[in-house]
Amino acid sequence: MLAIIAVYLGVFVALLGGAAVDPEGHAPIAGTVVYTGLTLAAAALALHFLRPDGLRASLAAWPSDRWLGIGLATGVGLVAFNFAWVEGLQRLLADGSAEEELIHVPIAPWLVFVQTVVIAPLLEEWADRGVLWTAARRVTGQWSTIFITAALFALLHGLGAGLFLEVPHRFVVGIALGLLRAYSGSLVPGIIAHAVNNLTFVLVSDA
């Protein structure tokens, strides 16, 4: 239980820290470094409570080629789902602000790619469906673990223009990624799906 608390509180502090360092979006590298460093620190603290085999368990296994394909297909499906939700938010807000905040990227494309397509899928999947998953599975069942990790994923990503209007669809995405983790026994399909989803939004923002 202490490991679960460490991940939740640590990631929340990481979000606040990244935002505090770069409140106006003028220092994205600094914000990314702070967010990444604090998230890794939270994961390290959680792993301290999961000794002796927490790190090994959090890294999981390499999946079969079949699951690599399923991860890719899931990512494509999540793209369609996310675009549908964003379109709905835009209509609900009725002023176009959701589009700018949800898919517009006001920083250098190479940095967006590194942050969004490389760091985010690797770091967030490991912290969420690696470390947190391992901690939750020690105290509860598989479906509860899927919901616990999906809830963290939703809170992590419910900070756009729609605020908590975004949490429901992020939670659904978290459930999908959790199912990949549960049935493949690996983080890799979820990382692939996460990266495909994020890459699509980066490409759209640059179009």
N, C-alpha and C. Protein backbone atom coordinates (compact mmCIF):
# COMPACT_ATOMS: atom_id res chain seq x y z
N MET A 1 0.82 -1.21 0.00
CA MET A 1 0.00 0.00 0.00
C MET A 1 0.86 1.27 0.00
N LEU A 2 1.99 1.24 0.74
CA LEU A 2 2.87 2.40 0.75
C LEU A 2 3.43 2.69 -0.65
N ALA A 3 3.67 1.64 -1.41
CA ALA A 3 4.18 1.83 -2.77
C ALA A 3 3.14 2.51 -3.65
N ILE A 4 1.87 2.14 -3.50
CA ILE A 4 0.79 2.76 -4.27
C ILE A 4 0.71 4.25 -3.94
N ILE A 5 0.75 4.56 -2.65
CA ILE A 5 0.69 5.96 -2.21
C ILE A 5 1.89 6.73 -2.76
N ALA A 6 3.06 6.11 -2.74
CA ALA A 6 4.28 6.78 -3.22
C ALA A 6 4.15 7.14 -4.69
N VAL A 7 3.60 6.24 -5.49
CA VAL A 7 3.46 6.53 -6.92
C VAL A 7 2.45 7.65 -7.14
N TYR A 8 1.29 7.56 -6.51
CA TYR A 8 0.25 8.57 -6.70
C TYR A 8 0.74 9.96 -6.26
N LEU A 9 1.25 10.05 -5.04
CA LEU A 9 1.69 11.35 -4.55
C LEU A 9 2.91 11.84 -5.31
N GLY A 10 3.82 10.93 -5.63
CA GLY A 10 5.02 11.33 -6.34
C GLY A 10 4.74 11.87 -7.72
N VAL A 11 3.85 11.22 -8.44
CA VAL A 11 3.51 11.69 -9.79
C VAL A 11 2.78 13.03 -9.71
N PHE A 12 1.94 13.21 -8.72
CA PHE A 12 1.25 14.48 -8.54
C PHE A 12 2.26 15.60 -8.28
N VAL A 13 3.24 15.33 -7.42
CA VAL A 13 4.30 16.30 -7.15
C VAL A 13 5.10 16.58 -8.42
N ALA A 14 5.33 15.54 -9.23
CA ALA A 14 6.07 15.71 -10.48
C ALA A 14 5.32 16.64 -11.43
N LEU A 15 4.01 16.48 -11.51
CA LEU A 15 3.20 17.36 -12.36
C LEU A 15 3.29 18.81 -11.88
N LEU A 16 3.16 19.00 -10.57
CA LEU A 16 3.24 20.35 -10.02
C LEU A 16 4.63 20.94 -10.22
N GLY A 17 5.65 20.11 -10.05
CA GLY A 17 7.01 20.58 -10.21
C GLY A 17 7.30 21.01 -11.63
N GLY A 18 6.87 20.19 -12.60
CA GLY A 18 7.08 20.55 -13.99
C GLY A 18 6.35 21.83 -14.36
N ALA A 19 5.13 21.98 -13.86
CA ALA A 19 4.34 23.19 -14.14
C ALA A 19 4.95 24.42 -13.47
N ALA A 20 5.51 24.24 -12.27
CA ALA A 20 6.11 25.37 -11.55
C ALA A 20 7.36 25.87 -12.26
N VAL A 21 8.14 24.96 -12.82
CA VAL A 21 9.37 25.34 -13.51
C VAL A 21 9.07 26.02 -14.85
N ASP A 22 7.98 25.59 -15.49
CA ASP A 22 7.65 26.11 -16.81
C ASP A 22 6.17 26.52 -16.88
N PRO A 23 5.76 27.52 -16.08
CA PRO A 23 4.33 27.88 -16.03
C PRO A 23 3.81 28.51 -17.31
N GLU A 24 4.67 29.17 -18.07
CA GLU A 24 4.23 29.87 -19.28
C GLU A 24 4.56 29.12 -20.55
N GLY A 25 5.16 27.95 -20.43
CA GLY A 25 5.52 27.17 -21.62
C GLY A 25 6.75 27.68 -22.34
N HIS A 26 7.59 28.48 -21.64
CA HIS A 26 8.78 29.03 -22.27
C HIS A 26 10.04 28.22 -21.98
N ALA A 27 9.96 27.28 -21.07
CA ALA A 27 11.13 26.46 -20.71
C ALA A 27 10.75 24.98 -20.70
N PRO A 28 10.32 24.45 -21.86
CA PRO A 28 9.81 23.08 -21.90
C PRO A 28 10.85 22.03 -21.53
N ILE A 29 12.12 22.28 -21.86
CA ILE A 29 13.16 21.30 -21.51
C ILE A 29 13.28 21.20 -20.00
N ALA A 30 13.31 22.34 -19.33
CA ALA A 30 13.40 22.34 -17.86
C ALA A 30 12.19 21.66 -17.24
N GLY A 31 11.01 21.96 -17.78
CA GLY A 31 9.80 21.33 -17.26
C GLY A 31 9.83 19.82 -17.43
N THR A 32 10.30 19.37 -18.59
CA THR A 32 10.38 17.93 -18.85
C THR A 32 11.38 17.26 -17.93
N VAL A 33 12.53 17.90 -17.72
CA VAL A 33 13.56 17.34 -16.84
C VAL A 33 13.04 17.20 -15.42
N VAL A 34 12.37 18.24 -14.93
CA VAL A 34 11.84 18.20 -13.56
C VAL A 34 10.76 17.13 -13.44
N TYR A 35 9.83 17.10 -14.40
CA TYR A 35 8.75 16.10 -14.35
C TYR A 35 9.31 14.69 -14.41
N THR A 36 10.25 14.46 -15.33
CA THR A 36 10.83 13.14 -15.48
C THR A 36 11.61 12.74 -14.23
N GLY A 37 12.42 13.67 -13.71
CA GLY A 37 13.22 13.36 -12.53
C GLY A 37 12.37 13.04 -11.32
N LEU A 38 11.32 13.83 -11.08
CA LEU A 38 10.46 13.60 -9.93
C LEU A 38 9.64 12.32 -10.08
N THR A 39 9.22 12.01 -11.32
CA THR A 39 8.50 10.76 -11.54
C THR A 39 9.40 9.56 -11.29
N LEU A 40 10.63 9.63 -11.75
CA LEU A 40 11.58 8.55 -11.49
C LEU A 40 11.85 8.42 -9.99
N ALA A 41 11.92 9.56 -9.29
CA ALA A 41 12.13 9.51 -7.84
C ALA A 41 10.95 8.84 -7.15
N ALA A 42 9.73 9.15 -7.61
CA ALA A 42 8.54 8.51 -7.03
C ALA A 42 8.56 7.01 -7.27
N ALA A 43 8.94 6.62 -8.49
CA ALA A 43 9.02 5.20 -8.80
C ALA A 43 10.09 4.52 -7.96
N ALA A 44 11.23 5.18 -7.77
CA ALA A 44 12.31 4.61 -6.96
C ALA A 44 11.86 4.42 -5.51
N LEU A 45 11.12 5.40 -4.99
CA LEU A 45 10.61 5.26 -3.62
C LEU A 45 9.65 4.09 -3.53
N ALA A 46 8.77 3.97 -4.53
CA ALA A 46 7.83 2.84 -4.53
C ALA A 46 8.58 1.51 -4.60
N LEU A 47 9.61 1.46 -5.43
CA LEU A 47 10.39 0.23 -5.55
C LEU A 47 11.09 -0.12 -4.23
N HIS A 48 11.42 0.91 -3.45
CA HIS A 48 12.01 0.66 -2.13
C HIS A 48 11.05 -0.16 -1.26
N PHE A 49 9.75 0.14 -1.38
CA PHE A 49 8.75 -0.60 -0.61
C PHE A 49 8.44 -1.96 -1.22
N LEU A 50 8.86 -2.17 -2.46
CA LEU A 50 8.56 -3.42 -3.16
C LEU A 50 9.76 -4.37 -3.19
N ARG A 51 10.76 -4.09 -2.41
CA ARG A 51 11.94 -4.96 -2.39
C ARG A 51 11.55 -6.39 -1.98
N PRO A 52 12.30 -7.41 -2.44
CA PRO A 52 13.57 -7.31 -3.18
C PRO A 52 13.41 -7.41 -4.69
N ASP A 53 12.23 -7.83 -5.18
CA ASP A 53 12.11 -8.11 -6.61
C ASP A 53 11.18 -7.13 -7.32
N GLY A 54 10.98 -5.95 -6.73
CA GLY A 54 10.05 -4.99 -7.33
C GLY A 54 10.48 -4.49 -8.69
N LEU A 55 11.77 -4.19 -8.86
CA LEU A 55 12.24 -3.68 -10.14
C LEU A 55 12.05 -4.72 -11.24
N ARG A 56 12.44 -5.93 -10.99
CA ARG A 56 12.29 -6.99 -11.99
C ARG A 56 10.83 -7.18 -12.36
N ALA A 57 9.97 -7.21 -11.36
CA ALA A 57 8.53 -7.40 -11.63
C ALA A 57 7.95 -6.22 -12.40
N SER A 58 8.42 -5.01 -12.10
CA SER A 58 7.86 -3.82 -12.76
C SER A 58 8.23 -3.76 -14.24
N LEU A 59 9.34 -4.36 -14.60
CA LEU A 59 9.77 -4.34 -16.01
C LEU A 59 9.04 -5.38 -16.84
N ALA A 60 8.43 -6.35 -16.18
CA ALA A 60 7.63 -7.39 -16.85
C ALA A 60 8.47 -8.14 -17.89
N ALA A 61 7.79 -8.73 -18.88
CA ALA A 61 8.47 -9.59 -19.84
C ALA A 61 8.34 -9.01 -21.25
N TRP A 62 9.08 -9.60 -22.19
CA TRP A 62 8.94 -9.22 -23.59
C TRP A 62 7.81 -10.04 -24.19
N PRO A 63 6.90 -9.43 -24.93
CA PRO A 63 5.73 -10.16 -25.45
C PRO A 63 6.06 -10.91 -26.73
N SER A 64 5.13 -11.72 -27.16
CA SER A 64 5.24 -12.38 -28.46
C SER A 64 4.99 -11.36 -29.57
N ASP A 65 5.40 -11.71 -30.79
CA ASP A 65 5.18 -10.81 -31.93
C ASP A 65 3.70 -10.48 -32.11
N ARG A 66 2.85 -11.43 -31.78
CA ARG A 66 1.40 -11.21 -31.90
C ARG A 66 0.96 -10.01 -31.06
N TRP A 67 1.50 -9.89 -29.87
CA TRP A 67 1.11 -8.79 -29.00
C TRP A 67 1.68 -7.45 -29.45
N LEU A 68 2.78 -7.48 -30.17
CA LEU A 68 3.30 -6.24 -30.74
C LEU A 68 2.30 -5.69 -31.75
N GLY A 69 1.74 -6.59 -32.56
CA GLY A 69 0.72 -6.18 -33.53
C GLY A 69 -0.55 -5.71 -32.86
N ILE A 70 -0.94 -6.39 -31.79
CA ILE A 70 -2.14 -5.98 -31.06
C ILE A 70 -1.94 -4.60 -30.42
N GLY A 71 -0.73 -4.34 -29.92
CA GLY A 71 -0.44 -3.03 -29.35
C GLY A 71 -0.56 -1.94 -30.40
N LEU A 72 -0.04 -2.21 -31.60
CA LEU A 72 -0.13 -1.25 -32.70
C LEU A 72 -1.59 -0.99 -33.08
N ALA A 73 -2.36 -2.06 -33.21
CA ALA A 73 -3.77 -1.92 -33.58
C ALA A 73 -4.55 -1.17 -32.49
N THR A 74 -4.23 -1.44 -31.24
CA THR A 74 -4.89 -0.74 -30.14
C THR A 74 -4.58 0.75 -30.19
N GLY A 75 -3.33 1.09 -30.51
CA GLY A 75 -2.97 2.49 -30.63
C GLY A 75 -3.78 3.19 -31.69
N VAL A 76 -3.98 2.54 -32.82
CA VAL A 76 -4.79 3.13 -33.90
C VAL A 76 -6.23 3.32 -33.41
N GLY A 77 -6.76 2.33 -32.72
CA GLY A 77 -8.12 2.45 -32.19
C GLY A 77 -8.24 3.58 -31.18
N LEU A 78 -7.22 3.75 -30.34
CA LEU A 78 -7.23 4.83 -29.35
C LEU A 78 -7.19 6.20 -30.03
N VAL A 79 -6.47 6.28 -31.14
CA VAL A 79 -6.43 7.53 -31.90
C VAL A 79 -7.84 7.93 -32.33
N ALA A 80 -8.58 6.97 -32.91
CA ALA A 80 -9.94 7.25 -33.36
C ALA A 80 -10.82 7.67 -32.19
N PHE A 81 -10.69 6.97 -31.08
CA PHE A 81 -11.49 7.27 -29.89
C PHE A 81 -11.16 8.67 -29.36
N ASN A 82 -9.87 8.99 -29.29
CA ASN A 82 -9.46 10.30 -28.77
C ASN A 82 -9.93 11.44 -29.66
N PHE A 83 -9.83 11.26 -30.97
CA PHE A 83 -10.28 12.31 -31.87
C PHE A 83 -11.78 12.54 -31.73
N ALA A 84 -12.53 11.45 -31.56
CA ALA A 84 -13.97 11.58 -31.38
C ALA A 84 -14.29 12.35 -30.10
N TRP A 85 -13.53 12.06 -29.04
CA TRP A 85 -13.78 12.75 -27.77
C TRP A 85 -13.40 14.23 -27.87
N VAL A 86 -12.25 14.51 -28.49
CA VAL A 86 -11.82 15.90 -28.65
C VAL A 86 -12.84 16.70 -29.46
N GLU A 87 -13.35 16.07 -30.52
CA GLU A 87 -14.37 16.74 -31.34
C GLU A 87 -15.61 17.04 -30.50
N GLY A 88 -15.98 16.10 -29.66
CA GLY A 88 -17.13 16.31 -28.79
C GLY A 88 -16.88 17.44 -27.80
N LEU A 89 -15.65 17.51 -27.26
CA LEU A 89 -15.32 18.59 -26.33
C LEU A 89 -15.37 19.95 -27.03
N GLN A 90 -14.87 19.99 -28.25
CA GLN A 90 -14.89 21.25 -28.99
C GLN A 90 -16.32 21.73 -29.18
N ARG A 91 -17.20 20.82 -29.52
CA ARG A 91 -18.60 21.22 -29.71
C ARG A 91 -19.24 21.62 -28.39
N LEU A 92 -18.86 20.93 -27.32
CA LEU A 92 -19.42 21.26 -26.01
C LEU A 92 -18.96 22.63 -25.55
N LEU A 93 -17.66 22.91 -25.73
CA LEU A 93 -17.14 24.21 -25.30
C LEU A 93 -17.53 25.33 -26.26
N ALA A 94 -17.77 24.95 -27.52
CA ALA A 94 -18.36 25.85 -28.52
C ALA A 94 -17.56 27.10 -28.84
N ASP A 95 -16.27 27.11 -28.46
CA ASP A 95 -15.48 28.30 -28.78
C ASP A 95 -14.16 27.97 -29.44
N GLY A 96 -13.93 26.67 -29.71
CA GLY A 96 -12.71 26.27 -30.40
C GLY A 96 -11.50 26.20 -29.51
N SER A 97 -11.62 26.56 -28.24
CA SER A 97 -10.44 26.58 -27.38
C SER A 97 -9.90 25.19 -27.11
N ALA A 98 -10.76 24.19 -27.13
CA ALA A 98 -10.31 22.83 -26.85
C ALA A 98 -9.32 22.36 -27.89
N GLU A 99 -9.56 22.73 -29.14
CA GLU A 99 -8.67 22.28 -30.21
C GLU A 99 -7.25 22.80 -29.99
N GLU A 100 -7.14 24.09 -29.67
CA GLU A 100 -5.82 24.67 -29.49
C GLU A 100 -5.08 24.03 -28.34
N GLU A 101 -5.77 23.82 -27.23
CA GLU A 101 -5.10 23.31 -26.04
C GLU A 101 -4.84 21.81 -26.12
N LEU A 102 -5.73 21.08 -26.79
CA LEU A 102 -5.62 19.64 -26.77
C LEU A 102 -4.67 19.10 -27.82
N ILE A 103 -4.56 19.77 -28.98
CA ILE A 103 -3.71 19.20 -30.00
C ILE A 103 -2.68 20.20 -30.55
N HIS A 104 -2.78 21.48 -30.15
CA HIS A 104 -1.80 22.43 -30.63
C HIS A 104 -0.52 22.32 -29.81
N VAL A 105 0.62 22.32 -30.47
CA VAL A 105 1.90 22.19 -29.79
C VAL A 105 2.72 23.46 -30.04
N PRO A 106 2.89 24.34 -29.05
CA PRO A 106 3.54 25.62 -29.27
C PRO A 106 5.05 25.60 -29.05
N ILE A 107 5.71 24.43 -29.13
CA ILE A 107 7.15 24.35 -28.92
C ILE A 107 7.80 23.59 -30.07
N ALA A 108 9.13 23.52 -30.05
CA ALA A 108 9.88 22.93 -31.15
C ALA A 108 9.42 21.50 -31.43
N PRO A 109 9.20 21.16 -32.69
CA PRO A 109 8.71 19.82 -33.04
C PRO A 109 9.59 18.68 -32.54
N TRP A 110 10.92 18.85 -32.60
CA TRP A 110 11.79 17.76 -32.15
C TRP A 110 11.62 17.50 -30.66
N LEU A 111 11.43 18.59 -29.90
CA LEU A 111 11.25 18.44 -28.46
C LEU A 111 9.89 17.80 -28.15
N VAL A 112 8.89 18.20 -28.91
CA VAL A 112 7.56 17.59 -28.75
C VAL A 112 7.65 16.09 -28.99
N PHE A 113 8.37 15.72 -30.06
CA PHE A 113 8.51 14.29 -30.38
C PHE A 113 9.18 13.54 -29.24
N VAL A 114 10.29 14.08 -28.73
CA VAL A 114 11.00 13.40 -27.64
C VAL A 114 10.12 13.30 -26.40
N GLN A 115 9.48 14.40 -26.04
CA GLN A 115 8.62 14.42 -24.85
C GLN A 115 7.44 13.47 -24.98
N THR A 116 6.76 13.57 -26.12
CA THR A 116 5.45 12.96 -26.27
C THR A 116 5.49 11.54 -26.80
N VAL A 117 6.41 11.26 -27.70
CA VAL A 117 6.41 9.96 -28.37
C VAL A 117 7.46 9.00 -27.77
N VAL A 118 8.47 9.56 -27.10
CA VAL A 118 9.51 8.71 -26.52
C VAL A 118 9.41 8.68 -24.99
N ILE A 119 9.59 9.84 -24.36
CA ILE A 119 9.64 9.86 -22.90
C ILE A 119 8.31 9.48 -22.27
N ALA A 120 7.23 10.11 -22.72
CA ALA A 120 5.93 9.86 -22.08
C ALA A 120 5.51 8.39 -22.11
N PRO A 121 5.51 7.72 -23.27
CA PRO A 121 5.12 6.31 -23.26
C PRO A 121 6.02 5.43 -22.40
N LEU A 122 7.33 5.63 -22.49
CA LEU A 122 8.25 4.80 -21.71
C LEU A 122 8.11 5.06 -20.21
N LEU A 123 8.17 6.33 -19.83
CA LEU A 123 8.14 6.69 -18.41
C LEU A 123 6.79 6.40 -17.78
N GLU A 124 5.72 6.83 -18.45
CA GLU A 124 4.40 6.69 -17.84
C GLU A 124 3.94 5.24 -17.80
N GLU A 125 4.23 4.47 -18.84
CA GLU A 125 3.83 3.07 -18.80
C GLU A 125 4.60 2.31 -17.73
N TRP A 126 5.89 2.60 -17.58
CA TRP A 126 6.66 1.91 -16.55
C TRP A 126 6.19 2.32 -15.15
N ALA A 127 6.02 3.63 -14.92
CA ALA A 127 5.59 4.10 -13.60
C ALA A 127 4.19 3.61 -13.26
N ASP A 128 3.29 3.63 -14.27
CA ASP A 128 1.89 3.31 -14.05
C ASP A 128 1.63 1.80 -14.11
N ARG A 129 1.90 1.22 -15.28
CA ARG A 129 1.59 -0.21 -15.45
C ARG A 129 2.79 -1.12 -15.22
N GLY A 130 3.86 -0.51 -14.68
CA GLY A 130 5.01 -1.29 -14.24
C GLY A 130 5.09 -1.28 -12.72
N VAL A 131 5.51 -0.14 -12.17
CA VAL A 131 5.69 -0.02 -10.72
C VAL A 131 4.35 -0.05 -9.98
N LEU A 132 3.43 0.84 -10.37
CA LEU A 132 2.12 0.87 -9.69
C LEU A 132 1.39 -0.45 -9.87
N TRP A 133 1.46 -1.01 -11.06
CA TRP A 133 0.82 -2.30 -11.33
C TRP A 133 1.35 -3.37 -10.37
N THR A 134 2.66 -3.43 -10.22
CA THR A 134 3.28 -4.42 -9.33
C THR A 134 2.82 -4.23 -7.90
N ALA A 135 2.78 -2.97 -7.46
CA ALA A 135 2.34 -2.68 -6.10
C ALA A 135 0.89 -3.07 -5.88
N ALA A 136 0.03 -2.72 -6.83
CA ALA A 136 -1.40 -3.02 -6.69
C ALA A 136 -1.68 -4.51 -6.72
N ARG A 137 -0.97 -5.24 -7.56
CA ARG A 137 -1.22 -6.68 -7.68
C ARG A 137 -0.86 -7.43 -6.40
N ARG A 138 -0.04 -6.82 -5.54
CA ARG A 138 0.33 -7.47 -4.28
C ARG A 138 -0.77 -7.36 -3.24
N VAL A 139 -1.73 -6.44 -3.48
CA VAL A 139 -2.77 -6.25 -2.47
C VAL A 139 -4.18 -6.44 -3.03
N THR A 140 -4.32 -6.58 -4.35
CA THR A 140 -5.66 -6.72 -4.91
C THR A 140 -5.60 -7.53 -6.20
N GLY A 141 -6.78 -7.74 -6.81
CA GLY A 141 -6.88 -8.57 -8.01
C GLY A 141 -6.56 -7.82 -9.29
N GLN A 142 -6.63 -8.56 -10.39
CA GLN A 142 -6.24 -8.00 -11.68
C GLN A 142 -7.13 -6.85 -12.12
N TRP A 143 -8.46 -7.02 -12.01
CA TRP A 143 -9.35 -5.96 -12.47
C TRP A 143 -9.25 -4.72 -11.62
N SER A 144 -9.08 -4.90 -10.31
CA SER A 144 -8.88 -3.73 -9.44
C SER A 144 -7.60 -3.01 -9.81
N THR A 145 -6.58 -3.76 -10.15
CA THR A 145 -5.31 -3.17 -10.56
C THR A 145 -5.47 -2.38 -11.84
N ILE A 146 -6.23 -2.91 -12.80
CA ILE A 146 -6.48 -2.20 -14.04
C ILE A 146 -7.15 -0.86 -13.75
N PHE A 147 -8.14 -0.85 -12.84
CA PHE A 147 -8.85 0.39 -12.52
C PHE A 147 -7.94 1.37 -11.75
N ILE A 148 -7.12 0.86 -10.85
CA ILE A 148 -6.21 1.73 -10.08
C ILE A 148 -5.22 2.42 -11.00
N THR A 149 -4.66 1.67 -11.93
CA THR A 149 -3.68 2.26 -12.85
C THR A 149 -4.36 3.17 -13.88
N ALA A 150 -5.57 2.83 -14.30
CA ALA A 150 -6.30 3.69 -15.23
C ALA A 150 -6.66 5.02 -14.57
N ALA A 151 -6.98 4.98 -13.28
CA ALA A 151 -7.32 6.21 -12.57
C ALA A 151 -6.13 7.16 -12.52
N LEU A 152 -4.93 6.62 -12.25
CA LEU A 152 -3.75 7.47 -12.24
C LEU A 152 -3.50 8.05 -13.63
N PHE A 153 -3.65 7.22 -14.65
CA PHE A 153 -3.44 7.67 -16.02
C PHE A 153 -4.42 8.80 -16.37
N ALA A 154 -5.66 8.68 -15.95
CA ALA A 154 -6.67 9.71 -16.22
C ALA A 154 -6.32 11.01 -15.53
N LEU A 155 -5.89 10.94 -14.28
CA LEU A 155 -5.54 12.16 -13.55
C LEU A 155 -4.31 12.82 -14.14
N LEU A 156 -3.37 12.01 -14.61
CA LEU A 156 -2.16 12.52 -15.24
C LEU A 156 -2.47 13.35 -16.48
N HIS A 157 -3.53 12.96 -17.20
CA HIS A 157 -3.79 13.56 -18.50
C HIS A 157 -5.04 14.43 -18.53
N GLY A 158 -5.67 14.63 -17.39
CA GLY A 158 -6.88 15.44 -17.36
C GLY A 158 -6.60 16.90 -17.08
N LEU A 159 -5.56 17.45 -17.72
CA LEU A 159 -5.13 18.82 -17.42
C LEU A 159 -5.18 19.74 -18.63
N GLY A 160 -5.91 19.35 -19.68
CA GLY A 160 -6.00 20.18 -20.88
C GLY A 160 -7.12 21.20 -20.76
N ALA A 161 -7.55 21.71 -21.91
CA ALA A 161 -8.56 22.76 -21.91
C ALA A 161 -9.87 22.28 -21.32
N GLY A 162 -10.17 20.99 -21.50
CA GLY A 162 -11.41 20.45 -20.99
C GLY A 162 -11.37 20.09 -19.52
N LEU A 163 -10.18 20.22 -18.91
CA LEU A 163 -10.00 19.87 -17.50
C LEU A 163 -10.59 18.50 -17.20
N PHE A 164 -11.46 18.41 -16.21
CA PHE A 164 -11.97 17.10 -15.82
C PHE A 164 -12.97 16.52 -16.82
N LEU A 165 -13.35 17.31 -17.83
CA LEU A 165 -14.14 16.73 -18.91
C LEU A 165 -13.30 15.72 -19.70
N GLU A 166 -11.99 15.83 -19.57
CA GLU A 166 -11.11 14.91 -20.27
C GLU A 166 -10.85 13.63 -19.51
N VAL A 167 -11.10 13.64 -18.20
CA VAL A 167 -10.78 12.47 -17.38
C VAL A 167 -11.50 11.20 -17.84
N PRO A 168 -12.80 11.24 -18.19
CA PRO A 168 -13.46 9.99 -18.58
C PRO A 168 -12.80 9.28 -19.75
N HIS A 169 -12.45 10.03 -20.81
CA HIS A 169 -11.88 9.32 -21.95
C HIS A 169 -10.44 8.91 -21.69
N ARG A 170 -9.72 9.65 -20.85
CA ARG A 170 -8.38 9.21 -20.46
C ARG A 170 -8.47 7.93 -19.63
N PHE A 171 -9.52 7.84 -18.81
CA PHE A 171 -9.71 6.63 -18.01
C PHE A 171 -9.97 5.43 -18.92
N VAL A 172 -10.78 5.63 -19.96
CA VAL A 172 -11.04 4.54 -20.92
C VAL A 172 -9.74 4.12 -21.60
N VAL A 173 -8.91 5.09 -21.98
CA VAL A 173 -7.63 4.77 -22.58
C VAL A 173 -6.78 3.98 -21.60
N GLY A 174 -6.79 4.39 -20.34
CA GLY A 174 -6.05 3.67 -19.31
C GLY A 174 -6.53 2.24 -19.13
N ILE A 175 -7.83 2.03 -19.25
CA ILE A 175 -8.37 0.67 -19.17
C ILE A 175 -7.83 -0.17 -20.33
N ALA A 176 -7.84 0.40 -21.53
CA ALA A 176 -7.33 -0.32 -22.70
C ALA A 176 -5.87 -0.68 -22.53
N LEU A 177 -5.07 0.25 -22.05
CA LEU A 177 -3.65 -0.02 -21.83
C LEU A 177 -3.46 -1.06 -20.72
N GLY A 178 -4.32 -1.00 -19.71
CA GLY A 178 -4.26 -1.99 -18.64
C GLY A 178 -4.59 -3.39 -19.13
N LEU A 179 -5.55 -3.48 -20.03
CA LEU A 179 -5.90 -4.79 -20.60
C LEU A 179 -4.72 -5.36 -21.40
N LEU A 180 -4.03 -4.49 -22.13
CA LEU A 180 -2.84 -4.95 -22.84
C LEU A 180 -1.81 -5.50 -21.85
N ARG A 181 -1.62 -4.78 -20.77
CA ARG A 181 -0.65 -5.21 -19.75
C ARG A 181 -1.07 -6.53 -19.12
N ALA A 182 -2.35 -6.65 -18.84
CA ALA A 182 -2.84 -7.85 -18.14
C ALA A 182 -2.74 -9.09 -19.00
N TYR A 183 -3.14 -9.00 -20.25
CA TYR A 183 -3.24 -10.20 -21.07
C TYR A 183 -1.96 -10.52 -21.85
N SER A 184 -1.10 -9.52 -22.03
CA SER A 184 0.18 -9.81 -22.69
C SER A 184 1.27 -10.14 -21.68
N GLY A 185 1.07 -9.70 -20.43
CA GLY A 185 2.10 -9.89 -19.42
C GLY A 185 3.31 -9.00 -19.65
N SER A 186 3.14 -7.93 -20.43
CA SER A 186 4.27 -7.09 -20.83
C SER A 186 3.87 -5.63 -20.87
N LEU A 187 4.85 -4.76 -20.72
CA LEU A 187 4.64 -3.32 -20.89
C LEU A 187 4.71 -2.89 -22.35
N VAL A 188 5.35 -3.68 -23.18
CA VAL A 188 5.66 -3.26 -24.54
C VAL A 188 4.43 -2.96 -25.39
N PRO A 189 3.39 -3.81 -25.41
CA PRO A 189 2.21 -3.46 -26.23
C PRO A 189 1.58 -2.14 -25.81
N GLY A 190 1.54 -1.86 -24.52
CA GLY A 190 0.99 -0.60 -24.05
C GLY A 190 1.85 0.58 -24.44
N ILE A 191 3.17 0.40 -24.40
CA ILE A 191 4.08 1.47 -24.82
C ILE A 191 3.87 1.77 -26.30
N ILE A 192 3.73 0.72 -27.10
CA ILE A 192 3.49 0.92 -28.54
C ILE A 192 2.18 1.66 -28.77
N ALA A 193 1.11 1.21 -28.12
CA ALA A 193 -0.19 1.86 -28.29
C ALA A 193 -0.14 3.32 -27.84
N HIS A 194 0.50 3.56 -26.72
CA HIS A 194 0.64 4.91 -26.17
C HIS A 194 1.41 5.80 -27.15
N ALA A 195 2.51 5.27 -27.69
CA ALA A 195 3.34 6.04 -28.61
C ALA A 195 2.61 6.35 -29.91
N VAL A 196 1.88 5.37 -30.44
CA VAL A 196 1.12 5.57 -31.68
C VAL A 196 0.08 6.66 -31.48
N ASN A 197 -0.63 6.60 -30.37
CA ASN A 197 -1.64 7.61 -30.07
C ASN A 197 -1.01 9.00 -29.99
N ASN A 198 0.09 9.11 -29.24
CA ASN A 198 0.73 10.41 -29.06
C ASN A 198 1.34 10.93 -30.37
N LEU A 199 1.94 10.04 -31.13
CA LEU A 199 2.56 10.45 -32.40
C LEU A 199 1.52 11.05 -33.33
N THR A 200 0.34 10.46 -33.37
CA THR A 200 -0.72 10.97 -34.25
C THR A 200 -1.07 12.41 -33.90
N PHE A 201 -1.19 12.71 -32.60
CA PHE A 201 -1.53 14.06 -32.20
C PHE A 201 -0.39 15.03 -32.48
N VAL A 202 0.85 14.57 -32.38
CA VAL A 202 1.99 15.42 -32.74
C VAL A 202 1.95 15.76 -34.22
N LEU A 203 1.67 14.76 -35.06
CA LEU A 203 1.61 14.98 -36.50
C LEU A 203 0.48 15.92 -36.87
N VAL A 204 -0.65 15.77 -36.21
CA VAL A 204 -1.79 16.66 -36.46
C VAL A 204 -1.46 18.09 -36.07
N SER A 205 -0.78 18.25 -34.96
CA SER A 205 -0.45 19.59 -34.49
C SER A 205 0.52 20.30 -35.40
N ASP A 206 1.33 19.52 -36.15
CA ASP A 206 2.30 20.12 -37.05
C ASP A 206 1.72 20.32 -38.46
N ALA A 207 0.51 19.79 -38.68
CA ALA A 207 -0.07 19.85 -40.03
C ALA A 207 -0.50 21.28 -40.37
